N, C-alpha and C. Protein backbone atom coordinates (compact mmCIF):
# COMPACT_ATOMS: atom_id res chain seq x y z
N MET A 1 31.76 9.08 -20.06
CA MET A 1 31.94 8.94 -18.69
C MET A 1 30.80 9.31 -17.88
N ASP A 2 29.54 9.57 -18.50
CA ASP A 2 28.52 9.95 -17.61
C ASP A 2 27.84 8.50 -17.58
N GLU A 3 27.76 7.83 -18.58
CA GLU A 3 27.12 6.52 -18.56
C GLU A 3 27.75 5.61 -17.56
N LEU A 4 29.03 5.79 -17.48
CA LEU A 4 29.81 4.89 -16.49
C LEU A 4 29.46 5.17 -15.18
N ALA A 5 29.37 6.53 -14.82
CA ALA A 5 29.05 6.97 -13.59
C ALA A 5 27.51 6.49 -13.09
N LYS A 6 26.60 6.66 -14.15
CA LYS A 6 25.30 6.23 -14.12
C LYS A 6 25.20 4.55 -13.48
N HIS A 7 25.81 3.99 -14.22
CA HIS A 7 26.12 2.29 -14.01
C HIS A 7 26.88 2.33 -12.75
N ILE A 8 27.75 2.70 -12.23
CA ILE A 8 28.28 2.66 -10.88
C ILE A 8 27.33 3.24 -9.81
N GLU A 9 26.57 4.30 -10.05
CA GLU A 9 25.74 4.64 -8.95
C GLU A 9 24.48 3.58 -8.96
N ARG A 10 24.11 3.04 -9.92
CA ARG A 10 23.01 2.11 -9.82
C ARG A 10 23.71 0.91 -9.09
N SER A 11 24.61 0.38 -9.27
CA SER A 11 25.08 -0.76 -8.65
C SER A 11 25.38 -0.29 -7.14
N LEU A 12 25.87 0.74 -6.86
CA LEU A 12 26.17 1.14 -5.53
C LEU A 12 24.92 1.12 -4.65
N LYS A 13 23.77 1.55 -5.26
CA LYS A 13 22.33 1.51 -4.80
C LYS A 13 22.10 0.05 -4.45
N GLU A 14 22.28 -0.82 -5.30
CA GLU A 14 21.84 -2.17 -5.18
C GLU A 14 22.85 -3.06 -4.28
N ARG A 15 24.10 -2.78 -4.34
CA ARG A 15 25.01 -3.62 -3.68
C ARG A 15 26.01 -3.27 -2.81
N GLY A 16 26.11 -1.67 -2.81
CA GLY A 16 27.02 -0.95 -2.09
C GLY A 16 28.61 -0.93 -2.64
N PHE A 17 28.69 -1.74 -3.88
CA PHE A 17 30.03 -1.85 -4.66
C PHE A 17 29.69 -2.07 -6.02
N CYS A 18 30.85 -1.66 -6.89
CA CYS A 18 30.50 -1.85 -8.18
C CYS A 18 31.93 -2.16 -8.91
N VAL A 19 32.02 -3.28 -9.59
CA VAL A 19 33.47 -3.81 -10.11
C VAL A 19 33.34 -3.23 -11.52
N VAL A 20 34.44 -2.62 -12.10
CA VAL A 20 34.31 -2.09 -13.35
C VAL A 20 35.51 -2.69 -14.08
N LEU A 21 35.22 -3.37 -15.09
CA LEU A 21 36.39 -4.15 -15.71
C LEU A 21 37.14 -3.48 -16.88
N GLU A 22 38.38 -4.13 -17.25
CA GLU A 22 39.13 -3.36 -18.24
C GLU A 22 38.49 -2.73 -19.56
N ASP A 23 37.41 -3.28 -19.98
CA ASP A 23 36.91 -2.84 -21.26
C ASP A 23 36.40 -1.42 -20.95
N ASP A 24 35.50 -1.32 -20.01
CA ASP A 24 34.98 -0.31 -19.56
C ASP A 24 35.77 0.81 -19.28
N LEU A 25 36.95 0.34 -18.35
CA LEU A 25 37.78 1.58 -18.06
C LEU A 25 38.62 2.11 -19.27
N GLU A 26 38.82 1.16 -20.22
CA GLU A 26 39.52 1.45 -21.34
C GLU A 26 38.87 2.62 -22.23
N ARG A 27 37.44 2.51 -22.23
CA ARG A 27 36.53 3.61 -23.01
C ARG A 27 36.75 4.93 -22.53
N CYS A 28 37.00 4.99 -21.15
CA CYS A 28 37.11 6.46 -20.53
C CYS A 28 38.46 6.74 -20.48
N TRP A 29 39.37 5.79 -20.08
CA TRP A 29 40.72 6.14 -19.82
C TRP A 29 41.69 5.34 -20.57
N PRO A 30 41.98 5.41 -21.93
CA PRO A 30 42.69 4.54 -22.76
C PRO A 30 44.05 4.37 -22.23
N SER A 31 44.37 3.27 -22.10
CA SER A 31 45.72 2.76 -21.59
C SER A 31 46.74 3.26 -22.75
N GLY A 32 46.57 3.19 -23.88
CA GLY A 32 47.56 3.74 -24.78
C GLY A 32 47.65 5.02 -25.22
N LYS A 33 47.04 6.07 -24.33
CA LYS A 33 47.13 7.45 -24.40
C LYS A 33 47.48 7.91 -23.11
N ILE A 34 47.66 7.27 -22.02
CA ILE A 34 48.01 7.57 -20.55
C ILE A 34 48.82 6.59 -19.99
N ASN A 35 49.90 7.19 -19.15
CA ASN A 35 50.68 6.13 -18.47
C ASN A 35 49.98 5.55 -17.23
N ARG A 36 50.19 4.46 -16.79
CA ARG A 36 49.49 3.72 -15.65
C ARG A 36 49.47 4.52 -14.54
N ALA A 37 50.26 5.23 -14.00
CA ALA A 37 50.34 6.03 -12.75
C ALA A 37 49.29 7.12 -13.01
N ASP A 38 49.17 7.82 -14.11
CA ASP A 38 48.24 8.88 -14.46
C ASP A 38 46.93 8.45 -14.60
N ARG A 39 46.66 7.24 -15.24
CA ARG A 39 45.33 6.66 -15.40
C ARG A 39 44.77 6.38 -14.09
N GLU A 40 45.56 5.75 -13.42
CA GLU A 40 45.10 5.54 -11.62
C GLU A 40 44.62 6.85 -11.08
N LYS A 41 45.48 7.74 -11.27
CA LYS A 41 45.10 9.14 -10.54
C LYS A 41 43.93 9.57 -11.10
N ASP A 42 43.65 9.43 -12.42
CA ASP A 42 42.39 10.11 -13.22
C ASP A 42 41.28 9.21 -12.60
N ILE A 43 41.29 7.88 -12.48
CA ILE A 43 40.43 7.04 -12.00
C ILE A 43 39.86 7.46 -10.46
N GLN A 44 41.00 7.67 -9.76
CA GLN A 44 40.78 7.92 -8.37
C GLN A 44 40.09 9.51 -8.18
N SER A 45 40.53 10.37 -9.17
CA SER A 45 39.81 11.64 -9.11
C SER A 45 38.42 11.54 -9.55
N PHE A 46 38.27 10.84 -10.41
CA PHE A 46 36.57 10.53 -11.05
C PHE A 46 35.85 9.98 -9.88
N ALA A 47 36.44 9.05 -9.12
CA ALA A 47 35.70 8.36 -7.85
C ALA A 47 35.46 9.49 -6.91
N GLU A 48 36.56 10.06 -6.39
CA GLU A 48 36.61 11.24 -5.27
C GLU A 48 35.43 12.06 -5.74
N SER A 49 35.49 12.55 -7.04
CA SER A 49 34.61 13.59 -7.28
C SER A 49 33.08 13.32 -7.25
N ARG A 50 32.74 12.13 -7.05
CA ARG A 50 31.54 11.71 -6.79
C ARG A 50 31.07 10.97 -5.47
N GLY A 51 32.20 11.12 -4.76
CA GLY A 51 32.10 10.74 -3.23
C GLY A 51 32.26 9.23 -3.23
N TRP A 52 33.06 8.60 -3.99
CA TRP A 52 33.12 7.18 -3.91
C TRP A 52 34.71 6.89 -3.55
N ASN A 53 34.97 5.75 -3.27
CA ASN A 53 36.26 5.20 -3.08
C ASN A 53 36.54 4.29 -4.16
N VAL A 54 37.70 4.08 -4.65
CA VAL A 54 38.05 3.11 -5.56
C VAL A 54 39.20 2.37 -5.26
N SER A 55 39.25 0.94 -5.52
CA SER A 55 40.53 0.23 -5.30
C SER A 55 40.78 -0.39 -6.78
N ILE A 56 41.86 -0.15 -7.35
CA ILE A 56 42.42 -0.37 -8.54
C ILE A 56 43.24 -1.78 -8.41
N LEU A 57 42.93 -2.90 -9.07
CA LEU A 57 43.67 -4.01 -9.11
C LEU A 57 44.10 -4.22 -10.57
N ASN A 58 45.40 -4.88 -10.53
CA ASN A 58 46.15 -5.00 -11.82
C ASN A 58 46.27 -6.55 -11.71
N THR A 59 45.41 -7.31 -12.43
CA THR A 59 45.53 -8.88 -12.44
C THR A 59 45.91 -9.50 -13.71
N ASP A 60 46.03 -10.81 -13.64
CA ASP A 60 46.44 -11.45 -14.93
C ASP A 60 45.26 -11.30 -16.05
N PHE A 61 43.95 -11.00 -15.67
CA PHE A 61 42.87 -10.78 -16.42
C PHE A 61 42.58 -9.34 -16.83
N GLY A 62 43.56 -8.42 -16.44
CA GLY A 62 43.38 -6.91 -16.71
C GLY A 62 43.10 -6.37 -15.42
N VAL A 63 42.91 -5.01 -15.83
CA VAL A 63 42.58 -4.13 -14.56
C VAL A 63 41.22 -4.21 -13.96
N ARG A 64 40.96 -4.17 -12.84
CA ARG A 64 39.67 -4.00 -12.13
C ARG A 64 39.57 -2.76 -11.32
N ALA A 65 38.52 -2.12 -11.41
CA ALA A 65 38.50 -1.07 -10.41
C ALA A 65 37.08 -1.36 -9.58
N ILE A 66 37.27 -1.35 -8.25
CA ILE A 66 36.16 -1.62 -7.52
C ILE A 66 35.82 -0.29 -6.54
N PHE A 67 34.46 0.17 -6.95
CA PHE A 67 33.97 1.32 -6.56
C PHE A 67 33.15 1.14 -5.37
N GLU A 68 33.24 2.02 -4.29
CA GLU A 68 32.44 1.91 -3.17
C GLU A 68 32.07 3.34 -2.70
N ARG A 69 31.12 3.53 -1.91
CA ARG A 69 30.67 4.88 -1.32
C ARG A 69 31.72 5.05 -0.33
N HIS A 70 32.04 6.42 0.14
CA HIS A 70 33.04 6.70 1.25
C HIS A 70 32.04 6.15 2.52
N ASN A 71 32.75 5.41 3.15
CA ASN A 71 32.32 4.98 4.66
C ASN A 71 31.08 4.16 4.60
N TRP A 72 30.80 3.41 3.46
CA TRP A 72 29.53 2.88 3.30
C TRP A 72 29.31 1.44 4.44
N ARG A 73 30.64 1.05 4.69
CA ARG A 73 30.67 -0.11 5.48
C ARG A 73 30.38 0.25 7.00
N SER A 74 30.70 1.51 7.07
CA SER A 74 30.57 2.09 8.48
C SER A 74 29.04 2.54 8.82
N ALA A 75 28.22 2.51 7.76
CA ALA A 75 26.89 3.25 7.87
C ALA A 75 26.06 2.04 8.81
N PRO A 76 25.21 2.71 9.42
CA PRO A 76 24.31 1.70 10.20
C PRO A 76 23.41 1.10 9.26
N HIS A 77 23.04 -0.27 9.52
CA HIS A 77 22.20 -1.08 8.59
C HIS A 77 20.96 -1.15 9.19
């Protein structure tokens, strides 16, 4: 999970957001071991504990999690 957090942090510095795909989410939150609602709560908690927002999308291509810093859009440019 530390590696994922480092990856997200680097992306947030470069772009202000980070999209994490199902394969990477599966490594930290295996869908076979946790139900969908609890998995999403765990991902939300992970994001919040680091000062990020996350939007979780369930698509035809799998789950996507989009991480952003809290209020990054409202920060002055």
